[in-house]
Protein backbone atom coordinates (compact mmCIF):
# COMPACT_ATOMS: atom_id res chain seq x y z
CA MET A 1 40.57 -22.40 110.76
CA ASN A 2 40.34 -21.04 114.26
CA CYS A 3 43.12 -18.54 114.90
CA ALA A 4 44.07 -16.32 117.84
CA PHE A 5 45.84 -12.95 117.70
CA PHE A 6 46.68 -10.01 119.93
CA ALA A 7 45.42 -6.78 118.35
CA ARG A 8 43.98 -3.34 119.09
CA HIS A 9 40.50 -3.21 117.56
CA GLY A 10 37.54 -1.44 119.12
CA VAL A 11 35.65 1.80 119.41
CA LEU A 12 37.31 2.99 122.63
CA GLU A 13 40.78 4.55 122.78
CA GLU A 14 41.56 2.31 125.73
CA GLU A 15 41.11 -0.72 123.46
CA ALA A 16 43.64 0.76 121.04
CA ARG A 17 46.10 1.45 123.85
CA LEU A 18 45.81 -1.84 125.76
CA GLY A 19 44.90 -4.32 123.04
CA GLN A 20 43.45 -7.77 123.63
CA ARG A 21 43.04 -11.22 122.13
CA PHE A 22 40.82 -11.79 119.13
CA PHE A 23 39.77 -15.12 117.71
CA VAL A 24 39.08 -15.55 114.01
CA ASP A 25 37.28 -18.56 112.60
CA ALA A 26 37.29 -18.87 108.81
CA VAL A 27 35.02 -21.38 107.12
CA LEU A 28 36.01 -21.56 103.48
CA HIS A 29 33.75 -23.05 100.83
CA VAL A 30 36.32 -24.22 98.29
CA GLU A 31 35.99 -25.47 94.74
CA GLY A 32 38.56 -28.25 94.91
CA GLY A 33 38.74 -28.93 91.18
CA ASP A 34 41.59 -31.15 90.07
CA ALA A 35 43.38 -30.73 93.42
CA VAL A 36 40.89 -33.06 95.09
CA GLU A 37 41.89 -35.89 92.76
CA SER A 38 45.56 -35.00 92.29
CA ASP A 39 46.17 -34.32 96.01
CA LEU A 40 48.41 -31.37 95.11
CA ILE A 41 48.41 -28.16 97.17
CA GLU A 42 49.03 -26.02 94.08
CA GLY A 43 45.41 -26.44 92.97
CA THR A 44 43.69 -25.39 96.17
CA VAL A 45 43.96 -23.09 99.19
CA HIS A 46 47.28 -23.21 101.05
CA TYR A 47 46.11 -22.84 104.64
CA GLY A 48 49.46 -21.61 105.87
CA GLN A 49 49.24 -18.72 103.43
CA ALA A 50 45.60 -18.12 104.38
CA PHE A 51 46.63 -17.94 108.04
CA GLN A 52 49.36 -15.41 107.22
CA ARG A 53 46.86 -13.29 105.31
CA ILE A 54 44.44 -13.32 108.27
CA GLU A 55 47.24 -12.56 110.73
CA HIS A 56 48.44 -9.60 108.66
CA ILE A 57 44.96 -8.05 108.50
CA VAL A 58 44.17 -8.58 112.18
CA THR A 59 47.51 -7.31 113.48
CA THR A 60 48.19 -4.37 111.14
CA THR A 61 44.82 -2.76 110.38
CA ARG A 62 42.89 -1.19 113.27
CA ARG A 63 39.11 -1.33 112.99
CA ALA A 64 36.46 0.07 115.32
CA LEU A 65 34.00 -2.72 114.47
CA ILE A 66 34.66 -6.43 114.45
CA GLU A 67 32.11 -6.65 111.61
CA THR A 68 34.41 -4.55 109.42
CA LEU A 69 37.40 -6.64 110.45
CA ALA A 70 35.56 -9.85 109.51
CA LEU A 71 34.61 -8.38 106.12
CA ASP A 72 38.22 -7.29 105.46
CA ILE A 73 39.38 -10.84 106.13
CA ALA A 74 36.68 -12.52 104.03
CA GLN A 75 37.27 -10.23 101.06
CA SER A 76 41.04 -10.69 101.25
CA LEU A 77 40.78 -14.48 101.39
CA CYS A 78 38.44 -14.58 98.39
CA ALA A 79 40.67 -12.19 96.43
CA GLY A 80 43.83 -14.13 97.26
CA PHE A 81 42.52 -17.62 96.58
CA PRO A 82 40.29 -18.01 93.51
CA GLN A 83 39.27 -21.49 94.70
CA ILE A 84 37.29 -19.96 97.57
CA GLN A 85 33.69 -19.53 96.45
CA VAL A 86 32.43 -18.26 99.81
CA ALA A 87 34.25 -17.25 102.99
CA GLU A 88 32.40 -17.14 106.31
CA VAL A 89 34.52 -15.29 108.85
CA THR A 90 33.67 -15.05 112.53
CA VAL A 91 35.55 -12.67 114.82
CA ARG A 92 35.25 -13.22 118.57
CA LYS A 93 36.22 -10.59 121.10
CA PRO A 94 36.40 -12.06 124.61
CA SER A 95 37.15 -8.83 126.45
CA ALA A 96 34.54 -6.53 124.97
CA PRO A 97 33.82 -3.47 127.14
CA VAL A 98 30.26 -4.52 127.91
CA PRO A 99 28.75 -3.97 131.36
CA GLY A 100 27.98 -7.49 132.40
CA VAL A 101 29.39 -11.00 132.45
CA LEU A 102 29.91 -12.66 129.09
CA ASP A 103 32.26 -15.11 127.43
CA TYR A 104 32.71 -13.00 124.28
CA VAL A 105 30.95 -11.03 121.60
CA GLU A 106 31.12 -12.29 118.05
CA THR A 107 30.01 -11.52 114.55
CA THR A 108 30.01 -13.55 111.35
CA VAL A 109 30.30 -12.12 107.85
CA ARG A 110 29.74 -14.06 104.66
CA TRP A 111 31.51 -12.96 101.44
CA PRO A 112 30.27 -12.72 98.85
CA ALA A 113 27.08 -11.93 100.70
CA ASP A 114 24.92 -13.62 98.08
CA GLY A 115 27.20 -16.67 97.83
């Protein structure tokens, strides 16, 4: 999943006031179980619901660090969908207040970390 949201994360107060776009990429390692053979959504991750969970976290919880935001998302996805064995969540911030020219800053968190 590669999702885009407008939110207000960052260390600086200006980031909280102005907000900016954030991109979230979630790679989910899923135990498909019977759903793979039955082709029924009830036995696996419903990606519409996963998107809503990500959107809620990104747009309602302010974090100073995108690392913390990525961990919040990964933990929530794993808690909400028992089929997810490992969630790798990348958060990209294209308008980071960094002196210099860059496309974006990004961080990836894997949960559980030993998974």
